[in-house]
Amino acid sequence: MAQPEKTDIEIDDIAEDAAAEGLAPEAEIEALRAERDELRDRFMRALADAENSRKRADRDRREAENYGGAKFARDILPVYDHLSRALDIVTEEQREAQKAFLEGVELTLRELLNVFSKHGIERISPEPGDPFDPQQHQAMFEAPVPGTKAGEIIQVMTVGFMLHDRLLRPAQVGVSSTPAS
């Protein structure tokens, strides 16, 4: 039958009983050593737990700092898309007629990109001919396009964004499905 572990109080009682009964000092010393070893073990475990808790809290704080605004960042990306599209569809005639207005839109877009950069948001801007990367791109369609290789980007619909080292939104692209010749 297994004996239950002795608690600190029981070990103290053993040492006191040994001293009171006049038992050999070796028994008392051995009981004290056992108590010391147990206390040292408990102290080291408590120290390790405290260090692990500190590291976990530090990691959680860093993640909250870096990625806490991810939902807001995702929600503001359409603003970038709309400003970019507005500038992309302007004709030269409109550009001359509305020069000051368009400069304001361009400045607003540039400021938005500066704020993104300040907060760790970077654009993923693939170009036609770049290889498709499923870690950063979302294929919206495939089409056989002469003069391209299978897996090359043939069109970019929307740019993507990274928040530090995490994908915030993949770039939406069209990919060539031209078979190898």
N, C-alpha and C. Protein backbone atom coordinates (compact mmCIF):
# COMPACT_ATOMS: atom_id res chain seq x y z
N MET A 1 0.84 -1.18 0.00
CA MET A 1 0.00 0.00 0.00
C MET A 1 0.88 1.23 0.00
N ALA A 2 0.63 2.16 -0.94
CA ALA A 2 1.45 3.37 -1.06
C ALA A 2 1.10 4.33 0.06
N GLN A 3 2.13 4.96 0.56
CA GLN A 3 1.93 5.93 1.63
C GLN A 3 1.72 7.30 1.02
N PRO A 4 0.82 8.11 1.60
CA PRO A 4 0.65 9.47 1.08
C PRO A 4 1.90 10.30 1.33
N GLU A 5 2.11 11.32 0.47
CA GLU A 5 3.26 12.20 0.63
C GLU A 5 3.15 12.95 1.95
N LYS A 6 4.29 13.17 2.56
CA LYS A 6 4.33 13.90 3.81
C LYS A 6 4.30 15.40 3.52
N THR A 7 3.55 16.12 4.31
CA THR A 7 3.49 17.56 4.14
C THR A 7 4.59 18.20 4.98
N ASP A 8 4.75 19.51 4.80
CA ASP A 8 5.77 20.24 5.56
C ASP A 8 5.54 20.09 7.05
N ILE A 9 4.29 20.13 7.47
CA ILE A 9 3.98 20.04 8.90
C ILE A 9 4.38 18.68 9.43
N GLU A 10 4.10 17.62 8.64
CA GLU A 10 4.47 16.28 9.07
C GLU A 10 5.98 16.13 9.18
N ILE A 11 6.72 16.71 8.23
CA ILE A 11 8.19 16.61 8.28
C ILE A 11 8.71 17.36 9.51
N ASP A 12 8.14 18.52 9.80
CA ASP A 12 8.54 19.26 11.01
C ASP A 12 8.24 18.44 12.25
N ASP A 13 7.08 17.79 12.25
CA ASP A 13 6.72 16.95 13.40
C ASP A 13 7.71 15.81 13.57
N ILE A 14 8.14 15.21 12.48
CA ILE A 14 9.10 14.10 12.55
C ILE A 14 10.40 14.60 13.16
N ALA A 15 10.87 15.77 12.67
CA ALA A 15 12.12 16.31 13.20
C ALA A 15 11.99 16.63 14.69
N GLU A 16 10.85 17.21 15.08
CA GLU A 16 10.65 17.53 16.50
C GLU A 16 10.57 16.27 17.34
N ASP A 17 9.85 15.26 16.81
CA ASP A 17 9.73 13.99 17.53
C ASP A 17 11.09 13.33 17.69
N ALA A 18 11.91 13.39 16.63
CA ALA A 18 13.23 12.78 16.69
C ALA A 18 14.08 13.47 17.74
N ALA A 19 13.99 14.80 17.81
CA ALA A 19 14.77 15.54 18.80
C ALA A 19 14.25 15.26 20.20
N ALA A 20 12.93 15.20 20.34
CA ALA A 20 12.34 14.98 21.67
C ALA A 20 12.63 13.58 22.18
N GLU A 21 12.66 12.63 21.29
CA GLU A 21 12.89 11.25 21.70
C GLU A 21 14.37 10.92 21.81
N GLY A 22 15.18 11.90 21.47
CA GLY A 22 16.61 11.67 21.59
C GLY A 22 17.13 10.76 20.50
N LEU A 23 16.46 10.72 19.37
CA LEU A 23 16.92 9.90 18.26
C LEU A 23 18.21 10.47 17.70
N ALA A 24 18.79 9.73 16.89
CA ALA A 24 20.07 10.12 16.31
C ALA A 24 19.92 11.42 15.54
N PRO A 25 20.90 12.29 15.65
CA PRO A 25 20.86 13.56 14.92
C PRO A 25 20.83 13.33 13.40
N GLU A 26 21.33 12.16 12.95
CA GLU A 26 21.30 11.87 11.52
C GLU A 26 19.87 11.83 11.00
N ALA A 27 18.95 11.27 11.77
CA ALA A 27 17.55 11.20 11.35
C ALA A 27 16.96 12.60 11.27
N GLU A 28 17.30 13.44 12.24
CA GLU A 28 16.81 14.82 12.24
C GLU A 28 17.38 15.58 11.03
N ILE A 29 18.67 15.38 10.79
CA ILE A 29 19.32 16.05 9.65
C ILE A 29 18.71 15.58 8.34
N GLU A 30 18.46 14.30 8.23
CA GLU A 30 17.86 13.76 7.01
C GLU A 30 16.46 14.33 6.79
N ALA A 31 15.68 14.47 7.85
CA ALA A 31 14.33 15.05 7.74
C ALA A 31 14.44 16.51 7.30
N LEU A 32 15.37 17.25 7.85
CA LEU A 32 15.55 18.65 7.47
C LEU A 32 16.02 18.78 6.02
N ARG A 33 16.88 17.87 5.58
CA ARG A 33 17.34 17.89 4.19
C ARG A 33 16.17 17.62 3.24
N ALA A 34 15.33 16.68 3.61
CA ALA A 34 14.17 16.35 2.77
C ALA A 34 13.25 17.56 2.68
N GLU A 35 13.05 18.24 3.80
CA GLU A 35 12.20 19.43 3.82
C GLU A 35 12.84 20.54 2.95
N ARG A 36 14.14 20.73 3.09
CA ARG A 36 14.86 21.74 2.31
C ARG A 36 14.74 21.45 0.82
N ASP A 37 14.94 20.19 0.43
CA ASP A 37 14.87 19.81 -0.98
C ASP A 37 13.46 20.05 -1.55
N GLU A 38 12.46 19.71 -0.74
CA GLU A 38 11.08 19.93 -1.19
C GLU A 38 10.80 21.42 -1.35
N LEU A 39 11.24 22.22 -0.39
CA LEU A 39 11.02 23.67 -0.48
C LEU A 39 11.78 24.27 -1.66
N ARG A 40 12.99 23.80 -1.89
CA ARG A 40 13.77 24.29 -3.03
C ARG A 40 13.06 23.95 -4.34
N ASP A 41 12.55 22.74 -4.44
CA ASP A 41 11.84 22.32 -5.64
C ASP A 41 10.59 23.18 -5.85
N ARG A 42 9.83 23.42 -4.80
CA ARG A 42 8.63 24.25 -4.91
C ARG A 42 8.99 25.69 -5.29
N PHE A 43 10.06 26.20 -4.74
CA PHE A 43 10.51 27.56 -5.05
C PHE A 43 10.90 27.66 -6.52
N MET A 44 11.66 26.70 -7.02
CA MET A 44 12.10 26.72 -8.42
C MET A 44 10.90 26.62 -9.37
N ARG A 45 9.92 25.80 -9.01
CA ARG A 45 8.72 25.69 -9.84
C ARG A 45 7.94 27.00 -9.84
N ALA A 46 7.82 27.62 -8.68
CA ALA A 46 7.11 28.90 -8.59
C ALA A 46 7.85 29.97 -9.39
N LEU A 47 9.17 29.97 -9.32
CA LEU A 47 9.97 30.92 -10.08
C LEU A 47 9.79 30.71 -11.59
N ALA A 48 9.80 29.46 -12.02
CA ALA A 48 9.60 29.15 -13.44
C ALA A 48 8.19 29.55 -13.89
N ASP A 49 7.19 29.29 -13.05
CA ASP A 49 5.81 29.69 -13.39
C ASP A 49 5.71 31.20 -13.52
N ALA A 50 6.34 31.94 -12.63
CA ALA A 50 6.31 33.40 -12.69
C ALA A 50 6.99 33.90 -13.96
N GLU A 51 8.10 33.32 -14.33
CA GLU A 51 8.81 33.72 -15.54
C GLU A 51 7.98 33.40 -16.79
N ASN A 52 7.36 32.23 -16.82
CA ASN A 52 6.50 31.87 -17.95
C ASN A 52 5.31 32.82 -18.05
N SER A 53 4.73 33.19 -16.93
CA SER A 53 3.60 34.13 -16.92
C SER A 53 4.04 35.50 -17.44
N ARG A 54 5.22 35.95 -17.04
CA ARG A 54 5.74 37.23 -17.51
C ARG A 54 5.95 37.20 -19.02
N LYS A 55 6.55 36.12 -19.53
CA LYS A 55 6.79 36.00 -20.97
C LYS A 55 5.47 35.95 -21.74
N ARG A 56 4.50 35.20 -21.22
CA ARG A 56 3.20 35.09 -21.88
C ARG A 56 2.50 36.45 -21.92
N ALA A 57 2.54 37.18 -20.80
CA ALA A 57 1.92 38.50 -20.73
C ALA A 57 2.61 39.47 -21.70
N ASP A 58 3.93 39.39 -21.78
CA ASP A 58 4.68 40.26 -22.70
C ASP A 58 4.32 39.95 -24.15
N ARG A 59 4.23 38.67 -24.49
CA ARG A 59 3.86 38.26 -25.85
C ARG A 59 2.43 38.71 -26.17
N ASP A 60 1.51 38.53 -25.22
CA ASP A 60 0.13 38.95 -25.43
C ASP A 60 0.04 40.47 -25.60
N ARG A 61 0.83 41.21 -24.85
CA ARG A 61 0.82 42.68 -24.97
C ARG A 61 1.32 43.10 -26.35
N ARG A 62 2.42 42.46 -26.81
CA ARG A 62 2.96 42.79 -28.13
C ARG A 62 1.95 42.47 -29.24
N GLU A 63 1.30 41.31 -29.13
CA GLU A 63 0.31 40.93 -30.14
C GLU A 63 -0.87 41.90 -30.14
N ALA A 64 -1.31 42.28 -28.96
CA ALA A 64 -2.43 43.23 -28.88
C ALA A 64 -2.02 44.58 -29.48
N GLU A 65 -0.80 44.98 -29.23
CA GLU A 65 -0.30 46.25 -29.77
C GLU A 65 -0.19 46.19 -31.29
N ASN A 66 0.33 45.10 -31.81
CA ASN A 66 0.54 44.97 -33.25
C ASN A 66 -0.73 44.64 -34.03
N TYR A 67 -1.59 43.80 -33.46
CA TYR A 67 -2.71 43.28 -34.23
C TYR A 67 -4.08 43.66 -33.66
N GLY A 68 -4.10 44.45 -32.60
CA GLY A 68 -5.37 44.83 -31.98
C GLY A 68 -6.26 45.65 -32.90
N GLY A 69 -5.68 46.40 -33.80
CA GLY A 69 -6.45 47.23 -34.71
C GLY A 69 -6.75 46.58 -36.05
N ALA A 70 -6.59 45.26 -36.14
CA ALA A 70 -6.77 44.57 -37.42
C ALA A 70 -8.19 44.73 -37.95
N LYS A 71 -9.18 44.66 -37.10
CA LYS A 71 -10.56 44.78 -37.55
C LYS A 71 -10.80 46.19 -38.12
N PHE A 72 -10.33 47.20 -37.42
CA PHE A 72 -10.47 48.57 -37.92
C PHE A 72 -9.72 48.73 -39.23
N ALA A 73 -8.51 48.18 -39.30
CA ALA A 73 -7.71 48.30 -40.53
C ALA A 73 -8.44 47.64 -41.70
N ARG A 74 -9.04 46.46 -41.47
CA ARG A 74 -9.79 45.78 -42.53
C ARG A 74 -10.98 46.64 -42.98
N ASP A 75 -11.61 47.30 -42.01
CA ASP A 75 -12.78 48.13 -42.32
C ASP A 75 -12.42 49.39 -43.10
N ILE A 76 -11.18 49.88 -42.97
CA ILE A 76 -10.80 51.13 -43.64
C ILE A 76 -10.21 50.87 -45.04
N LEU A 77 -9.90 49.63 -45.37
CA LEU A 77 -9.33 49.31 -46.69
C LEU A 77 -10.24 49.71 -47.85
N PRO A 78 -11.55 49.59 -47.73
CA PRO A 78 -12.40 50.05 -48.84
C PRO A 78 -12.25 51.55 -49.13
N VAL A 79 -11.91 52.35 -48.14
CA VAL A 79 -11.68 53.77 -48.37
C VAL A 79 -10.50 53.93 -49.34
N TYR A 80 -9.44 53.18 -49.10
CA TYR A 80 -8.29 53.20 -50.02
C TYR A 80 -8.73 52.77 -51.42
N ASP A 81 -9.50 51.67 -51.48
CA ASP A 81 -9.94 51.16 -52.79
C ASP A 81 -10.75 52.21 -53.54
N HIS A 82 -11.67 52.88 -52.87
CA HIS A 82 -12.53 53.86 -53.55
C HIS A 82 -11.73 55.07 -54.02
N LEU A 83 -10.82 55.56 -53.19
CA LEU A 83 -9.99 56.69 -53.61
C LEU A 83 -9.12 56.31 -54.81
N SER A 84 -8.54 55.11 -54.78
CA SER A 84 -7.70 54.66 -55.90
C SER A 84 -8.50 54.53 -57.18
N ARG A 85 -9.68 53.92 -57.08
CA ARG A 85 -10.52 53.76 -58.27
C ARG A 85 -10.95 55.12 -58.83
N ALA A 86 -11.27 56.04 -57.94
CA ALA A 86 -11.68 57.37 -58.38
C ALA A 86 -10.57 58.03 -59.19
N LEU A 87 -9.34 57.89 -58.73
CA LEU A 87 -8.22 58.49 -59.46
C LEU A 87 -7.91 57.75 -60.75
N ASP A 88 -8.15 56.44 -60.77
CA ASP A 88 -7.85 55.63 -61.95
C ASP A 88 -8.78 55.92 -63.12
N ILE A 89 -10.01 56.32 -62.87
CA ILE A 89 -10.97 56.50 -63.97
C ILE A 89 -11.03 57.93 -64.51
N VAL A 90 -10.26 58.83 -63.92
CA VAL A 90 -10.28 60.22 -64.36
C VAL A 90 -9.59 60.34 -65.71
N THR A 91 -10.27 61.02 -66.64
CA THR A 91 -9.69 61.25 -67.97
C THR A 91 -8.80 62.49 -67.92
N GLU A 92 -8.00 62.67 -68.96
CA GLU A 92 -7.12 63.84 -69.02
C GLU A 92 -7.93 65.14 -69.05
N GLU A 93 -9.05 65.11 -69.75
CA GLU A 93 -9.91 66.29 -69.82
C GLU A 93 -10.44 66.65 -68.43
N GLN A 94 -10.89 65.64 -67.69
CA GLN A 94 -11.38 65.86 -66.32
C GLN A 94 -10.24 66.31 -65.41
N ARG A 95 -9.07 65.75 -65.65
CA ARG A 95 -7.91 66.10 -64.82
C ARG A 95 -7.58 67.59 -64.96
N GLU A 96 -7.66 68.13 -66.16
CA GLU A 96 -7.40 69.55 -66.38
C GLU A 96 -8.49 70.42 -65.76
N ALA A 97 -9.74 70.00 -65.92
CA ALA A 97 -10.86 70.80 -65.43
C ALA A 97 -10.96 70.79 -63.90
N GLN A 98 -10.58 69.68 -63.27
CA GLN A 98 -10.73 69.53 -61.82
C GLN A 98 -9.37 69.32 -61.14
N LYS A 99 -8.37 70.05 -61.59
CA LYS A 99 -7.00 69.84 -61.13
C LYS A 99 -6.88 69.96 -59.61
N ALA A 100 -7.40 71.02 -59.03
CA ALA A 100 -7.28 71.23 -57.57
C ALA A 100 -8.00 70.15 -56.79
N PHE A 101 -9.19 69.78 -57.25
CA PHE A 101 -9.96 68.73 -56.57
C PHE A 101 -9.22 67.40 -56.60
N LEU A 102 -8.68 67.04 -57.75
CA LEU A 102 -7.96 65.76 -57.88
C LEU A 102 -6.67 65.76 -57.08
N GLU A 103 -6.01 66.90 -56.99
CA GLU A 103 -4.82 66.99 -56.13
C GLU A 103 -5.19 66.72 -54.68
N GLY A 104 -6.34 67.22 -54.26
CA GLY A 104 -6.82 66.96 -52.90
C GLY A 104 -7.08 65.49 -52.66
N VAL A 105 -7.67 64.82 -53.64
CA VAL A 105 -7.93 63.38 -53.52
C VAL A 105 -6.61 62.62 -53.47
N GLU A 106 -5.65 63.02 -54.32
CA GLU A 106 -4.34 62.36 -54.32
C GLU A 106 -3.62 62.56 -52.98
N LEU A 107 -3.70 63.76 -52.43
CA LEU A 107 -3.09 64.03 -51.12
C LEU A 107 -3.75 63.20 -50.03
N THR A 108 -5.06 63.08 -50.11
CA THR A 108 -5.79 62.27 -49.12
C THR A 108 -5.35 60.82 -49.20
N LEU A 109 -5.24 60.31 -50.41
CA LEU A 109 -4.80 58.92 -50.60
C LEU A 109 -3.37 58.73 -50.09
N ARG A 110 -2.50 59.70 -50.39
CA ARG A 110 -1.12 59.63 -49.93
C ARG A 110 -1.05 59.65 -48.40
N GLU A 111 -1.86 60.50 -47.77
CA GLU A 111 -1.89 60.58 -46.30
C GLU A 111 -2.41 59.27 -45.71
N LEU A 112 -3.42 58.69 -46.34
CA LEU A 112 -3.94 57.40 -45.87
C LEU A 112 -2.84 56.34 -45.91
N LEU A 113 -2.06 56.33 -46.98
CA LEU A 113 -0.94 55.37 -47.08
C LEU A 113 0.12 55.65 -46.03
N ASN A 114 0.38 56.91 -45.71
CA ASN A 114 1.34 57.25 -44.66
C ASN A 114 0.85 56.75 -43.29
N VAL A 115 -0.43 56.90 -43.03
CA VAL A 115 -0.99 56.41 -41.77
C VAL A 115 -0.91 54.89 -41.72
N PHE A 116 -1.22 54.24 -42.85
CA PHE A 116 -1.09 52.78 -42.91
C PHE A 116 0.34 52.37 -42.56
N SER A 117 1.30 53.00 -43.20
CA SER A 117 2.70 52.67 -42.98
C SER A 117 3.09 52.88 -41.52
N LYS A 118 2.64 53.97 -40.95
CA LYS A 118 2.94 54.28 -39.54
C LYS A 118 2.46 53.18 -38.60
N HIS A 119 1.38 52.51 -38.98
CA HIS A 119 0.79 51.47 -38.13
C HIS A 119 1.10 50.06 -38.62
N GLY A 120 2.08 49.92 -39.49
CA GLY A 120 2.54 48.59 -39.90
C GLY A 120 1.71 47.95 -40.99
N ILE A 121 0.91 48.73 -41.70
CA ILE A 121 0.10 48.19 -42.80
C ILE A 121 0.83 48.50 -44.11
N GLU A 122 1.18 47.45 -44.84
CA GLU A 122 1.92 47.61 -46.09
C GLU A 122 1.12 47.01 -47.25
N ARG A 123 1.20 47.67 -48.41
CA ARG A 123 0.51 47.19 -49.60
C ARG A 123 1.20 45.98 -50.20
N ILE A 124 0.40 45.08 -50.74
CA ILE A 124 0.88 43.98 -51.57
C ILE A 124 0.43 44.35 -52.97
N SER A 125 1.36 44.80 -53.79
CA SER A 125 1.05 45.28 -55.14
C SER A 125 1.70 44.41 -56.20
N PRO A 126 1.10 43.26 -56.52
CA PRO A 126 1.69 42.43 -57.57
C PRO A 126 1.53 43.10 -58.93
N GLU A 127 2.37 42.74 -59.84
CA GLU A 127 2.33 43.25 -61.21
C GLU A 127 2.04 42.09 -62.16
N PRO A 128 1.40 42.37 -63.29
CA PRO A 128 1.23 41.30 -64.28
C PRO A 128 2.60 40.71 -64.65
N GLY A 129 2.65 39.39 -64.68
CA GLY A 129 3.90 38.68 -64.96
C GLY A 129 4.53 38.12 -63.70
N ASP A 130 4.17 38.65 -62.53
CA ASP A 130 4.68 38.10 -61.27
C ASP A 130 4.09 36.71 -61.06
N PRO A 131 4.82 35.84 -60.36
CA PRO A 131 4.26 34.52 -60.07
C PRO A 131 3.15 34.62 -59.01
N PHE A 132 2.15 33.79 -59.14
CA PHE A 132 1.06 33.74 -58.18
C PHE A 132 1.56 33.14 -56.87
N ASP A 133 1.28 33.79 -55.76
CA ASP A 133 1.68 33.33 -54.42
C ASP A 133 0.41 33.17 -53.58
N PRO A 134 -0.01 31.95 -53.32
CA PRO A 134 -1.26 31.75 -52.57
C PRO A 134 -1.21 32.29 -51.13
N GLN A 135 -0.02 32.60 -50.64
CA GLN A 135 0.10 33.18 -49.31
C GLN A 135 -0.25 34.66 -49.30
N GLN A 136 -0.20 35.31 -50.46
CA GLN A 136 -0.46 36.74 -50.54
C GLN A 136 -1.52 37.12 -51.57
N HIS A 137 -1.86 36.20 -52.45
CA HIS A 137 -2.79 36.51 -53.54
C HIS A 137 -4.01 35.61 -53.47
N GLN A 138 -5.12 36.14 -53.96
CA GLN A 138 -6.34 35.35 -54.11
C GLN A 138 -6.69 35.33 -55.59
N ALA A 139 -6.72 34.13 -56.17
CA ALA A 139 -7.03 34.00 -57.60
C ALA A 139 -8.53 34.17 -57.78
N MET A 140 -8.92 35.17 -58.55
CA MET A 140 -10.33 35.44 -58.80
C MET A 140 -10.80 34.73 -60.07
N PHE A 141 -9.87 34.50 -61.00
CA PHE A 141 -10.20 33.76 -62.22
C PHE A 141 -8.91 33.24 -62.83
N GLU A 142 -9.09 32.28 -63.75
CA GLU A 142 -7.98 31.77 -64.55
C GLU A 142 -8.36 31.93 -66.01
N ALA A 143 -7.38 32.28 -66.82
CA ALA A 143 -7.64 32.41 -68.25
C ALA A 143 -6.37 32.09 -69.02
N PRO A 144 -6.52 31.41 -70.18
CA PRO A 144 -5.34 31.16 -71.01
C PRO A 144 -4.98 32.43 -71.78
N VAL A 145 -3.82 32.97 -71.51
CA VAL A 145 -3.37 34.18 -72.19
C VAL A 145 -2.09 33.86 -72.93
N PRO A 146 -2.09 34.04 -74.26
CA PRO A 146 -0.87 33.74 -75.02
C PRO A 146 0.30 34.60 -74.53
N GLY A 147 1.46 34.01 -74.53
CA GLY A 147 2.67 34.73 -74.13
C GLY A 147 2.91 34.73 -72.63
N THR A 148 2.11 33.99 -71.88
CA THR A 148 2.31 33.89 -70.43
C THR A 148 2.49 32.43 -70.05
N LYS A 149 2.98 32.22 -68.86
CA LYS A 149 3.13 30.87 -68.33
C LYS A 149 2.02 30.61 -67.32
N ALA A 150 1.67 29.37 -67.15
CA ALA A 150 0.67 29.01 -66.15
C ALA A 150 1.16 29.45 -64.78
N GLY A 151 0.26 30.07 -64.03
CA GLY A 151 0.62 30.51 -62.67
C GLY A 151 1.12 31.94 -62.60
N GLU A 152 1.20 32.63 -63.74
CA GLU A 152 1.60 34.05 -63.73
C GLU A 152 0.37 34.92 -63.54
N ILE A 153 0.55 36.03 -62.87
CA ILE A 153 -0.53 36.99 -62.70
C ILE A 153 -0.73 37.73 -64.02
N ILE A 154 -2.00 37.78 -64.46
CA ILE A 154 -2.29 38.47 -65.72
C ILE A 154 -3.08 39.76 -65.48
N GLN A 155 -3.72 39.88 -64.31
CA GLN A 155 -4.48 41.08 -64.01
C GLN A 155 -4.57 41.24 -62.49
N VAL A 156 -4.52 42.49 -62.03
CA VAL A 156 -4.67 42.79 -60.61
C VAL A 156 -5.96 43.58 -60.43
N MET A 157 -6.91 43.01 -59.67
CA MET A 157 -8.17 43.70 -59.44
C MET A 157 -8.09 44.62 -58.23
N THR A 158 -7.58 44.11 -57.14
CA THR A 158 -7.37 44.94 -55.94
C THR A 158 -6.04 44.56 -55.31
N VAL A 159 -5.37 45.56 -54.77
CA VAL A 159 -4.11 45.29 -54.06
C VAL A 159 -4.45 44.67 -52.71
N GLY A 160 -3.47 43.97 -52.15
CA GLY A 160 -3.65 43.37 -50.85
C GLY A 160 -2.89 44.17 -49.80
N PHE A 161 -3.03 43.76 -48.56
CA PHE A 161 -2.37 44.45 -47.46
C PHE A 161 -1.91 43.46 -46.40
N MET A 162 -0.74 43.76 -45.83
CA MET A 162 -0.19 43.01 -44.70
C MET A 162 -0.22 43.91 -43.48
N LEU A 163 -0.53 43.34 -42.33
CA LEU A 163 -0.42 44.04 -41.06
C LEU A 163 0.75 43.39 -40.34
N HIS A 164 1.87 44.09 -40.32
CA HIS A 164 3.15 43.55 -39.82
C HIS A 164 3.45 42.28 -40.62
N ASP A 165 3.40 41.12 -39.99
CA ASP A 165 3.74 39.89 -40.72
C ASP A 165 2.51 39.03 -40.99
N ARG A 166 1.31 39.59 -40.78
CA ARG A 166 0.08 38.85 -41.03
C ARG A 166 -0.66 39.43 -42.23
N LEU A 167 -1.30 38.54 -42.98
CA LEU A 167 -2.08 38.96 -44.13
C LEU A 167 -3.37 39.60 -43.65
N LEU A 168 -3.59 40.84 -44.04
CA LEU A 168 -4.81 41.54 -43.70
C LEU A 168 -5.87 41.29 -44.77
N ARG A 169 -5.44 41.40 -46.02
CA ARG A 169 -6.31 41.12 -47.16
C ARG A 169 -5.43 40.70 -48.32
N PRO A 170 -5.74 39.57 -48.98
CA PRO A 170 -4.93 39.16 -50.12
C PRO A 170 -5.20 40.05 -51.33
N ALA A 171 -4.21 40.18 -52.18
CA ALA A 171 -4.40 40.88 -53.45
C ALA A 171 -5.26 39.98 -54.33
N GLN A 172 -6.27 40.57 -54.96
CA GLN A 172 -7.16 39.79 -55.82
C GLN A 172 -6.63 39.90 -57.25
N VAL A 173 -6.33 38.74 -57.82
CA VAL A 173 -5.66 38.72 -59.12
C VAL A 173 -6.28 37.69 -60.06
N GLY A 174 -6.03 37.88 -61.35
CA GLY A 174 -6.34 36.89 -62.36
C GLY A 174 -5.04 36.16 -62.69
N VAL A 175 -5.16 34.87 -62.94
CA VAL A 175 -3.97 34.04 -63.13
C VAL A 175 -4.05 33.33 -64.49
N SER A 176 -2.91 33.24 -65.13
CA SER A 176 -2.83 32.57 -66.42
C SER A 176 -2.95 31.05 -66.24
N SER A 177 -3.72 30.45 -67.15
CA SER A 177 -3.81 28.99 -67.13
C SER A 177 -3.24 28.40 -68.41
N THR A 178 -2.43 29.20 -69.11
CA THR A 178 -1.83 28.74 -70.36
C THR A 178 -0.98 27.51 -70.10
N PRO A 179 -1.29 26.42 -70.79
CA PRO A 179 -0.49 25.20 -70.56
C PRO A 179 0.93 25.37 -71.11
N ALA A 180 1.85 24.67 -70.49
CA ALA A 180 3.25 24.72 -70.95
C ALA A 180 3.32 24.13 -72.36
N SER A 181 4.09 24.78 -73.25
CA SER A 181 4.17 24.27 -74.63
C SER A 181 5.44 23.54 -74.86
